[in-house]
Amino acid sequence: MAYQHIIDSERCKGCGLCVDVCPKDVLEMTDKVNAKGHFPAYQARPDDCIYCTMCCIMCPDVAITIVETADVENPETTE
C-alpha cells in the first residue's frame, strides 16, 4: 500500500509542533499566510517522509492526516 501525507493549510495555526517532532525533518513552516493569518506547515522534503504519524499525533488542530491510497499497477506489465 501507498500513503499520502496531507496538511490542511487553512486549519493549521502554524504552531510548529509537527516540525519539531518529525524524525526525518520533512516539515517546515511556509512563508505564505493562510486565511486566518497564520504561517502553516508544509512538506519541504516529501520523499523523506516515513509516514510515522508523529506529526498527526502532535497536531492540536488535527490539520495533518496520513491516508492509505491504492497502489496503481503499471498497465504495461499486467495482462
Protein backbone atom coordinates (compact mmCIF):
# COMPACT_ATOMS: atom_id res chain seq x y z
CA MET A 1 0.00 0.00 0.00
CA ALA A 2 1.00 3.58 -0.58
CA TYR A 3 0.32 6.53 1.67
CA GLN A 4 -0.39 10.22 1.21
CA HIS A 5 0.52 12.95 3.70
CA ILE A 6 -1.98 15.83 3.75
CA ILE A 7 -1.74 19.16 5.58
CA ASP A 8 -4.87 21.32 5.73
CA SER A 9 -3.14 24.70 5.42
CA GLU A 10 -6.32 26.58 6.32
CA ARG A 11 -6.76 24.63 9.56
CA CYS A 12 -3.07 24.88 10.56
CA LYS A 13 -2.31 27.67 13.04
CA GLY A 14 1.45 27.48 12.49
CA CYS A 15 2.42 26.32 15.99
CA GLY A 16 5.35 24.30 14.61
CA LEU A 17 4.86 21.28 16.88
CA CYS A 18 4.79 18.96 13.86
CA VAL A 19 8.06 20.42 12.59
CA ASP A 20 9.72 19.80 15.96
CA VAL A 21 8.52 16.19 16.27
CA CYS A 22 9.24 14.97 12.72
CA PRO A 23 12.12 12.46 12.92
CA LYS A 24 13.10 12.98 9.27
CA ASP A 25 12.86 16.81 9.13
CA VAL A 26 10.24 16.59 6.40
CA LEU A 27 8.18 19.57 7.56
CA GLU A 28 8.90 23.30 7.60
CA MET A 29 6.85 26.44 8.10
CA THR A 30 5.82 28.28 4.94
CA ASP A 31 6.29 32.00 4.37
CA LYS A 32 2.76 32.26 2.91
CA VAL A 33 -0.05 33.39 5.19
CA ASN A 34 -3.31 31.41 5.27
CA ALA A 35 -6.81 32.96 5.57
CA LYS A 36 -6.52 33.12 9.36
CA GLY A 37 -3.20 34.97 9.24
CA HIS A 38 -1.01 32.01 10.21
CA PHE A 39 2.05 30.55 8.53
CA PRO A 40 1.15 26.86 8.09
CA ALA A 41 3.45 23.87 7.91
CA TYR A 42 4.20 22.17 4.62
CA GLN A 43 6.21 19.20 3.38
CA ALA A 44 9.58 20.61 2.37
CA ARG A 45 11.01 17.13 1.72
CA PRO A 46 8.05 14.80 0.99
CA ASP A 47 10.25 11.99 -0.34
CA ASP A 48 11.85 11.68 3.11
CA CYS A 49 8.52 11.04 4.86
CA ILE A 50 8.31 7.62 6.54
CA TYR A 51 4.62 8.06 7.43
CA CYS A 52 5.25 7.54 11.14
CA THR A 53 2.20 9.70 12.03
CA MET A 54 4.09 11.63 14.73
CA CYS A 55 3.01 14.92 13.13
CA CYS A 56 -0.63 13.78 13.09
CA ILE A 57 -0.49 12.80 16.75
CA MET A 58 1.18 16.05 17.81
CA CYS A 59 -1.06 18.46 15.84
CA PRO A 60 -3.50 20.13 18.26
CA ASP A 61 -5.73 21.28 15.39
CA VAL A 62 -5.97 17.93 13.58
CA ALA A 63 -4.67 19.65 10.46
CA ILE A 64 -2.46 16.75 9.36
CA THR A 65 -3.62 13.38 8.09
CA ILE A 66 -1.95 10.40 6.52
CA VAL A 67 -4.21 8.29 4.35
CA GLU A 68 -3.72 4.96 2.69
CA THR A 69 -4.01 5.05 -1.09
CA ALA A 70 -4.40 2.18 -3.51
CA ASP A 71 -1.34 1.18 -5.44
CA VAL A 72 -1.80 1.76 -9.13
CA GLU A 73 -0.38 -1.11 -11.13
CA ASN A 74 1.58 -0.39 -14.25
CA PRO A 75 -0.81 -1.25 -17.12
CA GLU A 76 2.09 -2.22 -19.36
CA THR A 77 3.11 -5.09 -17.09
CA THR A 78 -0.35 -6.54 -16.35
CA GLU A 79 -2.06 -8.83 -18.80
